[in-house]
Structure formats: C-alpha cells, structure tokens
Amino acid sequence: MSEGAMITCKEALAQLWAYIDGELPEGEARGVKSHLEACKGCHPHLDYQKAFCQFLRRHAQAPVPASLRRRVFLTLLEEDRRTTGSPADGPQTPDAGRPAS
C-alpha cells in the first residue's frame, strides 16, 4: 500500500480484530484507522467488536483468546450475509487475513 492510499473495506475488516488487539504493525494499523475514520459502512463493525470485547470482559470467567473472538465475529458476519443477502465485502472465512497458528 502506498503512503496515503486508502485500504478497501475488505482489507480493513480482515484486519479489524488484529487492529483492536494491537497486533498490527504501525503502518497497517494507521491504514485501518484511517479507513475506519472515513468509512461510514465499516465504522459500525469497530463499534460492535469493541462492545463485544467489553461484554466478554464483564462476563467471562477466564480471558477469551483473540482467535475465538475473531471466529465468533466472522461467523456472525457470514450468517448475516446469508440471511440478508448483503454483498460479501468482508472476510470469507474465519482465517481470512490471519496467519496460520
């Protein structure tokens, strides 16, 4: 990505959990942050994921692994796409955009 180039919605959503968890390199984090600040369609995903993390912190007995939070959220997104017929503009699989563990 060239300096100042906006990343796509698909790229931003694929990196959103890593962004929230502070796992992205500085340049990639800036790209996601810039996209979220400018994109009214993606910003609600950030709000949802932050609220989801807050819920887990309040109600979980033990820390929830980031990989589990990602899989749950991506599964919910995929189910939403299937039921509403929304275009697929986010990650297609729970592992999209994530290195193998």
PDB file of N, CA and C in Angstrom:
ATOM      1  N   MET A   1       0.860  -1.179   0.000  1.00  0.00           N
ATOM      2  CA  MET A   1       0.000   0.000   0.000  1.00  0.00           C
ATOM      3  C   MET A   1       0.898   1.232   0.000  1.00  0.00           C
ATOM      4  N   SER A   2       0.633   2.134  -0.915  1.00  0.00           N
ATOM      5  CA  SER A   2       1.434   3.353  -0.949  1.00  0.00           C
ATOM      6  C   SER A   2       0.981   4.302   0.145  1.00  0.00           C
ATOM      7  N   GLU A   3       1.901   5.159   0.559  1.00  0.00           N
ATOM      8  CA  GLU A   3       1.595   6.128   1.622  1.00  0.00           C
ATOM      9  C   GLU A   3       0.401   6.969   1.231  1.00  0.00           C
ATOM     10  N   GLY A   4      -0.604   7.045   2.096  1.00  0.00           N
ATOM     11  CA  GLY A   4      -1.779   7.865   1.854  1.00  0.00           C
ATOM     12  C   GLY A   4      -2.880   7.140   1.092  1.00  0.00           C
ATOM     13  N   ALA A   5      -2.624   5.933   0.557  1.00  0.00           N
ATOM     14  CA  ALA A   5      -3.647   5.191  -0.171  1.00  0.00           C
ATOM     15  C   ALA A   5      -4.608   4.551   0.827  1.00  0.00           C
ATOM     16  N   MET A   6      -5.894   4.670   0.538  1.00  0.00           N
ATOM     17  CA  MET A   6      -6.923   4.115   1.418  1.00  0.00           C
ATOM     18  C   MET A   6      -7.051   2.617   1.157  1.00  0.00           C
ATOM     19  N   ILE A   7      -7.098   1.823   2.210  1.00  0.00           N
ATOM     20  CA  ILE A   7      -7.317   0.395   2.046  1.00  0.00           C
ATOM     21  C   ILE A   7      -8.805   0.161   1.799  1.00  0.00           C
ATOM     22  N   THR A   8      -9.143  -1.000   1.256  1.00  0.00           N
ATOM     23  CA  THR A   8     -10.536  -1.325   0.959  1.00  0.00           C
ATOM     24  C   THR A   8     -11.274  -1.778   2.219  1.00  0.00           C
ATOM     25  N   CYS A   9     -12.591  -1.820   2.124  1.00  0.00           N
ATOM     26  CA  CYS A   9     -13.402  -2.314   3.240  1.00  0.00           C
ATOM     27  C   CYS A   9     -13.014  -3.750   3.574  1.00  0.00           C
ATOM     28  N   LYS A  10     -12.840  -4.564   2.541  1.00  0.00           N
ATOM     29  CA  LYS A  10     -12.471  -5.960   2.763  1.00  0.00           C
ATOM     30  C   LYS A  10     -11.161  -6.064   3.537  1.00  0.00           C
ATOM     31  N   GLU A  11     -10.174  -5.254   3.153  1.00  0.00           N
ATOM     32  CA  GLU A  11      -8.878  -5.272   3.845  1.00  0.00           C
ATOM     33  C   GLU A  11      -9.025  -4.786   5.290  1.00  0.00           C
ATOM     34  N   ALA A  12      -9.786  -3.734   5.495  1.00  0.00           N
ATOM     35  CA  ALA A  12      -9.967  -3.191   6.845  1.00  0.00           C
ATOM     36  C   ALA A  12     -10.655  -4.209   7.754  1.00  0.00           C
ATOM     37  N   LEU A  13     -11.719  -4.836   7.246  1.00  0.00           N
ATOM     38  CA  LEU A  13     -12.449  -5.805   8.067  1.00  0.00           C
ATOM     39  C   LEU A  13     -11.632  -7.053   8.339  1.00  0.00           C
ATOM     40  N   ALA A  14     -10.810  -7.455   7.375  1.00  0.00           N
ATOM     41  CA  ALA A  14      -9.963  -8.633   7.575  1.00  0.00           C
ATOM     42  C   ALA A  14      -8.937  -8.401   8.682  1.00  0.00           C
ATOM     43  N   GLN A  15      -8.561  -7.138   8.921  1.00  0.00           N
ATOM     44  CA  GLN A  15      -7.542  -6.811   9.916  1.00  0.00           C
ATOM     45  C   GLN A  15      -8.118  -6.216  11.196  1.00  0.00           C
ATOM     46  N   LEU A  16      -9.432  -6.149  11.290  1.00  0.00           N
ATOM     47  CA  LEU A  16     -10.046  -5.406  12.388  1.00  0.00           C
ATOM     48  C   LEU A  16      -9.733  -5.977  13.767  1.00  0.00           C
ATOM     49  N   TRP A  17      -9.808  -7.289  13.936  1.00  0.00           N
ATOM     50  CA  TRP A  17      -9.512  -7.853  15.261  1.00  0.00           C
ATOM     51  C   TRP A  17      -8.051  -7.601  15.627  1.00  0.00           C
ATOM     52  N   ALA A  18      -7.168  -7.812  14.674  1.00  0.00           N
ATOM     53  CA  ALA A  18      -5.744  -7.575  14.952  1.00  0.00           C
ATOM     54  C   ALA A  18      -5.517  -6.108  15.308  1.00  0.00           C
ATOM     55  N   TYR A  19      -6.248  -5.204  14.652  1.00  0.00           N
ATOM     56  CA  TYR A  19      -6.161  -3.769  14.954  1.00  0.00           C
ATOM     57  C   TYR A  19      -6.629  -3.505  16.387  1.00  0.00           C
ATOM     58  N   ILE A  20      -7.772  -4.037  16.746  1.00  0.00           N
ATOM     59  CA  ILE A  20      -8.313  -3.837  18.098  1.00  0.00           C
ATOM     60  C   ILE A  20      -7.372  -4.416  19.146  1.00  0.00           C
ATOM     61  N   ASP A  21      -6.789  -5.567  18.840  1.00  0.00           N
ATOM     62  CA  ASP A  21      -5.898  -6.239  19.790  1.00  0.00           C
ATOM     63  C   ASP A  21      -4.494  -5.646  19.805  1.00  0.00           C
ATOM     64  N   GLY A  22      -4.233  -4.632  18.968  1.00  0.00           N
ATOM     65  CA  GLY A  22      -2.910  -4.010  18.922  1.00  0.00           C
ATOM     66  C   GLY A  22      -1.847  -4.903  18.324  1.00  0.00           C
ATOM     67  N   GLU A  23      -2.240  -5.816  17.428  1.00  0.00           N
ATOM     68  CA  GLU A  23      -1.307  -6.779  16.856  1.00  0.00           C
ATOM     69  C   GLU A  23      -0.758  -6.366  15.493  1.00  0.00           C
ATOM     70  N   LEU A  24      -1.219  -5.248  14.928  1.00  0.00           N
ATOM     71  CA  LEU A  24      -0.765  -4.835  13.599  1.00  0.00           C
ATOM     72  C   LEU A  24       0.489  -3.980  13.674  1.00  0.00           C
ATOM     73  N   PRO A  25       1.354  -4.116  12.677  1.00  0.00           N
ATOM     74  CA  PRO A  25       2.486  -3.186  12.590  1.00  0.00           C
ATOM     75  C   PRO A  25       1.943  -1.765  12.435  1.00  0.00           C
ATOM     76  N   GLU A  26       2.743  -0.790  12.815  1.00  0.00           N
ATOM     77  CA  GLU A  26       2.299   0.606  12.853  1.00  0.00           C
ATOM     78  C   GLU A  26       1.678   1.088  11.541  1.00  0.00           C
ATOM     79  N   GLY A  27       2.305   0.796  10.425  1.00  0.00           N
ATOM     80  CA  GLY A  27       1.797   1.249   9.127  1.00  0.00           C
ATOM     81  C   GLY A  27       0.437   0.657   8.799  1.00  0.00           C
ATOM     82  N   GLU A  28       0.273  -0.649   9.053  1.00  0.00           N
ATOM     83  CA  GLU A  28      -1.015  -1.296   8.790  1.00  0.00           C
ATOM     84  C   GLU A  28      -2.084  -0.765   9.735  1.00  0.00           C
ATOM     85  N   ALA A  29      -1.730  -0.547  10.987  1.00  0.00           N
ATOM     86  CA  ALA A  29      -2.682  -0.004  11.957  1.00  0.00           C
ATOM     87  C   ALA A  29      -3.156   1.378  11.522  1.00  0.00           C
ATOM     88  N   ARG A  30      -2.232   2.196  11.005  1.00  0.00           N
ATOM     89  CA  ARG A  30      -2.622   3.526  10.508  1.00  0.00           C
ATOM     90  C   ARG A  30      -3.599   3.405   9.342  1.00  0.00           C
ATOM     91  N   GLY A  31      -3.357   2.436   8.455  1.00  0.00           N
ATOM     92  CA  GLY A  31      -4.244   2.228   7.317  1.00  0.00           C
ATOM     93  C   GLY A  31      -5.648   1.846   7.744  1.00  0.00           C
ATOM     94  N   VAL A  32      -5.742   0.928   8.716  1.00  0.00           N
ATOM     95  CA  VAL A  32      -7.053   0.514   9.221  1.00  0.00           C
ATOM     96  C   VAL A  32      -7.734   1.677   9.931  1.00  0.00           C
ATOM     97  N   LYS A  33      -6.980   2.380  10.764  1.00  0.00           N
ATOM     98  CA  LYS A  33      -7.546   3.521  11.492  1.00  0.00           C
ATOM     99  C   LYS A  33      -8.085   4.576  10.525  1.00  0.00           C
ATOM    100  N   SER A  34      -7.311   4.908   9.511  1.00  0.00           N
ATOM    101  CA  SER A  34      -7.746   5.905   8.524  1.00  0.00           C
ATOM    102  C   SER A  34      -9.007   5.458   7.812  1.00  0.00           C
ATOM    103  N   HIS A  35      -9.048   4.175   7.449  1.00  0.00           N
ATOM    104  CA  HIS A  35     -10.233   3.657   6.767  1.00  0.00           C
ATOM    105  C   HIS A  35     -11.460   3.758   7.671  1.00  0.00           C
ATOM    106  N   LEU A  36     -11.318   3.336   8.911  1.00  0.00           N
ATOM    107  CA  LEU A  36     -12.452   3.355   9.844  1.00  0.00           C
ATOM    108  C   LEU A  36     -12.941   4.772  10.114  1.00  0.00           C
ATOM    109  N   GLU A  37     -12.025   5.723  10.155  1.00  0.00           N
ATOM    110  CA  GLU A  37     -12.423   7.117  10.381  1.00  0.00           C
ATOM    111  C   GLU A  37     -13.186   7.683   9.191  1.00  0.00           C
ATOM    112  N   ALA A  38     -12.894   7.178   7.984  1.00  0.00           N
ATOM    113  CA  ALA A  38     -13.506   7.729   6.775  1.00  0.00           C
ATOM    114  C   ALA A  38     -14.720   6.943   6.286  1.00  0.00           C
ATOM    115  N   CYS A  39     -14.823   5.666   6.643  1.00  0.00           N
ATOM    116  CA  CYS A  39     -15.845   4.789   6.061  1.00  0.00           C
ATOM    117  C   CYS A  39     -17.023   4.598   7.012  1.00  0.00           C
ATOM    118  N   LYS A  40     -18.149   5.165   6.655  1.00  0.00           N
ATOM    119  CA  LYS A  40     -19.349   5.028   7.494  1.00  0.00           C
ATOM    120  C   LYS A  40     -19.886   3.604   7.493  1.00  0.00           C
ATOM    121  N   GLY A  41     -19.555   2.810   6.468  1.00  0.00           N
ATOM    122  CA  GLY A  41     -20.013   1.428   6.404  1.00  0.00           C
ATOM    123  C   GLY A  41     -19.231   0.493   7.311  1.00  0.00           C
ATOM    124  N   CYS A  42     -17.957   0.781   7.524  1.00  0.00           N
ATOM    125  CA  CYS A  42     -17.110  -0.103   8.331  1.00  0.00           C
ATOM    126  C   CYS A  42     -17.052   0.300   9.801  1.00  0.00           C
ATOM    127  N   HIS A  43     -17.225   1.574  10.079  1.00  0.00           N
ATOM    128  CA  HIS A  43     -17.098   2.028  11.459  1.00  0.00           C
ATOM    129  C   HIS A  43     -18.031   1.271  12.426  1.00  0.00           C
ATOM    130  N   PRO A  44     -19.274   0.945  12.045  1.00  0.00           N
ATOM    131  CA  PRO A  44     -20.122   0.171  12.966  1.00  0.00           C
ATOM    132  C   PRO A  44     -19.530  -1.186  13.338  1.00  0.00           C
ATOM    133  N   HIS A  45     -18.731  -1.782  12.441  1.00  0.00           N
ATOM    134  CA  HIS A  45     -18.079  -3.046  12.773  1.00  0.00           C
ATOM    135  C   HIS A  45     -17.113  -2.844  13.943  1.00  0.00           C
ATOM    136  N   LEU A  46     -16.405  -1.734  13.946  1.00  0.00           N
ATOM    137  CA  LEU A  46     -15.491  -1.422  15.042  1.00  0.00           C
ATOM    138  C   LEU A  46     -16.274  -1.245  16.339  1.00  0.00           C
ATOM    139  N   ASP A  47     -17.362  -0.498  16.287  1.00  0.00           N
ATOM    140  CA  ASP A  47     -18.189  -0.291  17.476  1.00  0.00           C
ATOM    141  C   ASP A  47     -18.709  -1.621  18.014  1.00  0.00           C
ATOM    142  N   TYR A  48     -19.174  -2.485  17.107  1.00  0.00           N
ATOM    143  CA  TYR A  48     -19.698  -3.785  17.521  1.00  0.00           C
ATOM    144  C   TYR A  48     -18.601  -4.611  18.185  1.00  0.00           C
ATOM    145  N   GLN A  49     -17.447  -4.680  17.551  1.00  0.00           N
ATOM    146  CA  GLN A  49     -16.382  -5.515  18.099  1.00  0.00           C
ATOM    147  C   GLN A  49     -15.881  -4.998  19.441  1.00  0.00           C
ATOM    148  N   LYS A  50     -15.815  -3.688  19.590  1.00  0.00           N
ATOM    149  CA  LYS A  50     -15.416  -3.131  20.896  1.00  0.00           C
ATOM    150  C   LYS A  50     -16.464  -3.466  21.953  1.00  0.00           C
ATOM    151  N   ALA A  51     -17.748  -3.343  21.600  1.00  0.00           N
ATOM    152  CA  ALA A  51     -18.808  -3.686  22.546  1.00  0.00           C
ATOM    153  C   ALA A  51     -18.762  -5.170  22.887  1.00  0.00           C
ATOM    154  N   PHE A  52     -18.475  -6.001  21.900  1.00  0.00           N
ATOM    155  CA  PHE A  52     -18.361  -7.437  22.122  1.00  0.00           C
ATOM    156  C   PHE A  52     -17.227  -7.737  23.099  1.00  0.00           C
ATOM    157  N   CYS A  53     -16.090  -7.082  22.920  1.00  0.00           N
ATOM    158  CA  CYS A  53     -14.955  -7.275  23.824  1.00  0.00           C
ATOM    159  C   CYS A  53     -15.299  -6.825  25.249  1.00  0.00           C
ATOM    160  N   GLN A  54     -15.988  -5.700  25.364  1.00  0.00           N
ATOM    161  CA  GLN A  54     -16.398  -5.219  26.685  1.00  0.00           C
ATOM    162  C   GLN A  54     -17.340  -6.219  27.352  1.00  0.00           C
ATOM    163  N   PHE A  55     -18.281  -6.767  26.584  1.00  0.00           N
ATOM    164  CA  PHE A  55     -19.204  -7.776  27.116  1.00  0.00           C
ATOM    165  C   PHE A  55     -18.423  -8.982  27.614  1.00  0.00           C
ATOM    166  N   LEU A  56     -17.485  -9.459  26.807  1.00  0.00           N
ATOM    167  CA  LEU A  56     -16.694 -10.622  27.215  1.00  0.00           C
ATOM    168  C   LEU A  56     -15.905 -10.340  28.483  1.00  0.00           C
ATOM    169  N   ARG A  57     -15.308  -9.154  28.574  1.00  0.00           N
ATOM    170  CA  ARG A  57     -14.536  -8.814  29.774  1.00  0.00           C
ATOM    171  C   ARG A  57     -15.425  -8.800  31.016  1.00  0.00           C
ATOM    172  N   ARG A  58     -16.637  -8.310  30.867  1.00  0.00           N
ATOM    173  CA  ARG A  58     -17.542  -8.234  32.023  1.00  0.00           C
ATOM    174  C   ARG A  58     -18.075  -9.602  32.438  1.00  0.00           C
ATOM    175  N   HIS A  59     -18.286 -10.492  31.471  1.00  0.00           N
ATOM    176  CA  HIS A  59     -19.000 -11.728  31.761  1.00  0.00           C
ATOM    177  C   HIS A  59     -18.169 -13.001  31.693  1.00  0.00           C
ATOM    178  N   ALA A  60     -16.984 -12.939  31.186  1.00  0.00           N
ATOM    179  CA  ALA A  60     -16.169 -14.139  31.068  1.00  0.00           C
ATOM    180  C   ALA A  60     -15.425 -14.415  32.373  1.00  0.00           C
ATOM    181  N   GLN A  61     -15.362 -15.676  32.740  1.00  0.00           N
ATOM    182  CA  GLN A  61     -14.612 -16.084  33.928  1.00  0.00           C
ATOM    183  C   GLN A  61     -13.112 -16.091  33.646  1.00  0.00           C
ATOM    184  N   ALA A  62     -12.763 -16.445  32.419  1.00  0.00           N
ATOM    185  CA  ALA A  62     -11.360 -16.507  32.016  1.00  0.00           C
ATOM    186  C   ALA A  62     -11.198 -15.663  30.753  1.00  0.00           C
ATOM    187  N   PRO A  63      -9.986 -15.185  30.490  1.00  0.00           N
ATOM    188  CA  PRO A  63      -9.770 -14.419  29.268  1.00  0.00           C
ATOM    189  C   PRO A  63     -10.144 -15.231  28.025  1.00  0.00           C
ATOM    190  N   VAL A  64     -10.753 -14.577  27.063  1.00  0.00           N
ATOM    191  CA  VAL A  64     -11.147 -15.234  25.818  1.00  0.00           C
ATOM    192  C   VAL A  64     -10.061 -14.975  24.781  1.00  0.00           C
ATOM    193  N   PRO A  65      -9.550 -16.040  24.179  1.00  0.00           N
ATOM    194  CA  PRO A  65      -8.490 -15.855  23.185  1.00  0.00           C
ATOM    195  C   PRO A  65      -8.963 -15.000  22.010  1.00  0.00           C
ATOM    196  N   ALA A  66      -8.053 -14.183  21.489  1.00  0.00           N
ATOM    197  CA  ALA A  66      -8.380 -13.324  20.351  1.00  0.00           C
ATOM    198  C   ALA A  66      -8.860 -14.155  19.168  1.00  0.00           C
ATOM    199  N   SER A  67      -8.281 -15.322  18.967  1.00  0.00           N
ATOM    200  CA  SER A  67      -8.683 -16.159  17.825  1.00  0.00           C
ATOM    201  C   SER A  67     -10.146 -16.592  17.956  1.00  0.00           C
ATOM    202  N   LEU A  68     -10.613 -16.869  19.168  1.00  0.00           N
ATOM    203  CA  LEU A  68     -12.015 -17.239  19.368  1.00  0.00           C
ATOM    204  C   LEU A  68     -12.929 -16.052  19.089  1.00  0.00           C
ATOM    205  N   ARG A  69     -12.559 -14.868  19.572  1.00  0.00           N
ATOM    206  CA  ARG A  69     -13.379 -13.675  19.305  1.00  0.00           C
ATOM    207  C   ARG A  69     -13.501 -13.450  17.805  1.00  0.00           C
ATOM    208  N   ARG A  70     -12.387 -13.607  17.080  1.00  0.00           N
ATOM    209  CA  ARG A  70     -12.407 -13.427  15.623  1.00  0.00           C
ATOM    210  C   ARG A  70     -13.347 -14.426  14.969  1.00  0.00           C
ATOM    211  N   ARG A  71     -13.212 -15.701  15.344  1.00  0.00           N
ATOM    212  CA  ARG A  71     -14.054 -16.729  14.720  1.00  0.00           C
ATOM    213  C   ARG A  71     -15.523 -16.475  14.984  1.00  0.00           C
ATOM    214  N   VAL A  72     -15.872 -16.108  16.207  1.00  0.00           N
ATOM    215  CA  VAL A  72     -17.273 -15.821  16.535  1.00  0.00           C
ATOM    216  C   VAL A  72     -17.782 -14.648  15.704  1.00  0.00           C
ATOM    217  N   PHE A  73     -17.033 -13.563  15.651  1.00  0.00           N
ATOM    218  CA  PHE A  73     -17.474 -12.390  14.902  1.00  0.00           C
ATOM    219  C   PHE A  73     -17.601 -12.700  13.418  1.00  0.00           C
ATOM    220  N   LEU A  74     -16.617 -13.371  12.834  1.00  0.00           N
ATOM    221  CA  LEU A  74     -16.670 -13.675  11.407  1.00  0.00           C
ATOM    222  C   LEU A  74     -17.806 -14.633  11.082  1.00  0.00           C
ATOM    223  N   THR A  75     -18.097 -15.545  11.993  1.00  0.00           N
ATOM    224  CA  THR A  75     -19.242 -16.435  11.798  1.00  0.00           C
ATOM    225  C   THR A  75     -20.541 -15.637  11.813  1.00  0.00           C
ATOM    226  N   LEU A  76     -20.654 -14.683  12.716  1.00  0.00           N
ATOM    227  CA  LEU A  76     -21.849 -13.827  12.754  1.00  0.00           C
ATOM    228  C   LEU A  76     -21.978 -13.002  11.479  1.00  0.00           C
ATOM    229  N   LEU A  77     -20.872 -12.456  10.979  1.00  0.00           N
ATOM    230  CA  LEU A  77     -20.907 -11.698   9.727  1.00  0.00           C
ATOM    231  C   LEU A  77     -21.362 -12.572   8.568  1.00  0.00           C
ATOM    232  N   GLU A  78     -20.823 -13.772   8.482  1.00  0.00           N
ATOM    233  CA  GLU A  78     -21.193 -14.684   7.390  1.00  0.00           C
ATOM    234  C   GLU A  78     -22.675 -15.048   7.482  1.00  0.00           C
ATOM    235  N   GLU A  79     -23.170 -15.308   8.665  1.00  0.00           N
ATOM    236  CA  GLU A  79     -24.588 -15.623   8.840  1.00  0.00           C
ATOM    237  C   GLU A  79     -25.449 -14.431   8.426  1.00  0.00           C
ATOM    238  N   ASP A  80     -25.014 -13.218   8.772  1.00  0.00           N
ATOM    239  CA  ASP A  80     -25.739 -12.019   8.375  1.00  0.00           C
ATOM    240  C   ASP A  80     -25.785 -11.900   6.856  1.00  0.00           C
ATOM    241  N   ARG A  81     -24.677 -12.182   6.186  1.00  0.00           N
ATOM    242  CA  ARG A  81     -24.637 -12.127   4.715  1.00  0.00           C
ATOM    243  C   ARG A  81     -25.613 -13.124   4.109  1.00  0.00           C
ATOM    244  N   ARG A  82     -25.645 -14.332   4.675  1.00  0.00           N
ATOM    245  CA  ARG A  82     -26.541 -15.361   4.131  1.00  0.00           C
ATOM    246  C   ARG A  82     -27.998 -14.991   4.325  1.00  0.00           C
ATOM    247  N   THR A  83     -28.344 -14.429   5.482  1.00  0.00           N
ATOM    248  CA  THR A  83     -29.749 -14.153   5.768  1.00  0.00           C
ATOM    249  C   THR A  83     -30.249 -12.852   5.167  1.00  0.00           C
ATOM    250  N   THR A  84     -29.358 -11.878   4.973  1.00  0.00           N
ATOM    251  CA  THR A  84     -29.805 -10.601   4.433  1.00  0.00           C
ATOM    252  C   THR A  84     -29.479 -10.433   2.960  1.00  0.00           C
ATOM    253  N   GLY A  85     -28.630 -11.296   2.442  1.00  0.00           N
ATOM    254  CA  GLY A  85     -28.234 -11.178   1.044  1.00  0.00           C
ATOM    255  C   GLY A  85     -27.279 -10.036   0.791  1.00  0.00           C
ATOM    256  N   SER A  86     -26.627  -9.525   1.852  1.00  0.00           N
ATOM    257  CA  SER A  86     -25.662  -8.433   1.693  1.00  0.00           C
ATOM    258  C   SER A  86     -24.504  -8.907   0.837  1.00  0.00           C
ATOM    259  N   PRO A  87     -23.905  -7.996   0.065  1.00  0.00           N
ATOM    260  CA  PRO A  87     -22.717  -8.390  -0.696  1.00  0.00           C
ATOM    261  C   PRO A  87     -21.583  -8.760   0.240  1.00  0.00           C
ATOM    262  N   ALA A  88     -20.811  -9.698  -0.175  1.00  0.00           N
ATOM    263  CA  ALA A  88     -19.684 -10.152   0.641  1.00  0.00           C
ATOM    264  C   ALA A  88     -18.537  -9.160   0.507  1.00  0.00           C
ATOM    265  N   ASP A  89     -18.417  -8.234   1.454  1.00  0.00           N
ATOM    266  CA  ASP A  89     -17.325  -7.255   1.391  1.00  0.00           C
ATOM    267  C   ASP A  89     -16.344  -7.453   2.519  1.00  0.00           C
ATOM    268  N   GLY A  90     -16.523  -8.486   3.299  1.00  0.00           N
ATOM    269  CA  GLY A  90     -15.612  -8.763   4.395  1.00  0.00           C
ATOM    270  C   GLY A  90     -14.944 -10.097   4.185  1.00  0.00           C
ATOM    271  N   PRO A  91     -14.221 -10.561   5.168  1.00  0.00           N
ATOM    272  CA  PRO A  91     -13.522 -11.840   5.073  1.00  0.00           C
ATOM    273  C   PRO A  91     -14.502 -12.978   4.831  1.00  0.00           C
ATOM    274  N   GLN A  92     -14.113 -13.942   4.038  1.00  0.00           N
ATOM    275  CA  GLN A  92     -14.980 -15.039   3.680  1.00  0.00           C
ATOM    276  C   GLN A  92     -14.867 -16.228   4.631  1.00  0.00           C
ATOM    277  N   THR A  93     -13.761 -16.357   5.321  1.00  0.00           N
ATOM    278  CA  THR A  93     -13.567 -17.475   6.237  1.00  0.00           C
ATOM    279  C   THR A  93     -13.020 -16.928   7.542  1.00  0.00           C
ATOM    280  N   PRO A  94     -13.193 -17.707   8.612  1.00  0.00           N
ATOM    281  CA  PRO A  94     -12.676 -17.230   9.902  1.00  0.00           C
ATOM    282  C   PRO A  94     -11.181 -16.980   9.901  1.00  0.00           C
ATOM    283  N   ASP A  95     -10.436 -17.575   8.985  1.00  0.00           N
ATOM    284  CA  ASP A  95      -8.988 -17.414   8.972  1.00  0.00           C
ATOM    285  C   ASP A  95      -8.523 -16.391   7.952  1.00  0.00           C
ATOM    286  N   ALA A  96      -9.447 -15.742   7.246  1.00  0.00           N
ATOM    287  CA  ALA A  96      -9.049 -14.794   6.206  1.00  0.00           C
ATOM    288  C   ALA A  96      -8.189 -13.682   6.793  1.00  0.00           C
ATOM    289  N   GLY A  97      -7.093 -13.431   6.157  1.00  0.00           N
ATOM    290  CA  GLY A  97      -6.225 -12.338   6.582  1.00  0.00           C
ATOM    291  C   GLY A  97      -5.399 -12.626   7.818  1.00  0.00           C
ATOM    292  N   ARG A  98      -5.470 -13.839   8.343  1.00  0.00           N
ATOM    293  CA  ARG A  98      -4.726 -14.182   9.552  1.00  0.00           C
ATOM    294  C   ARG A  98      -3.707 -15.251   9.232  1.00  0.00           C
ATOM    295  N   PRO A  99      -2.524 -15.126   9.761  1.00  0.00           N
ATOM    296  CA  PRO A  99      -1.523 -16.182   9.556  1.00  0.00           C
ATOM    297  C   PRO A  99      -1.942 -17.438  10.300  1.00  0.00           C
ATOM    298  N   ALA A 100      -1.535 -18.577   9.786  1.00  0.00           N
ATOM    299  CA  ALA A 100      -1.859 -19.848  10.450  1.00  0.00           C
ATOM    300  C   ALA A 100      -1.173 -19.896  11.808  1.00  0.00           C
ATOM    301  N   SER A 101      -1.884 -20.444  12.792  1.00  0.00           N
ATOM    302  CA  SER A 101      -1.319 -20.553  14.140  1.00  0.00           C
ATOM    303  C   SER A 101      -0.559 -21.821  14.301  1.00  0.00           C
TER     304      SER A 101
END
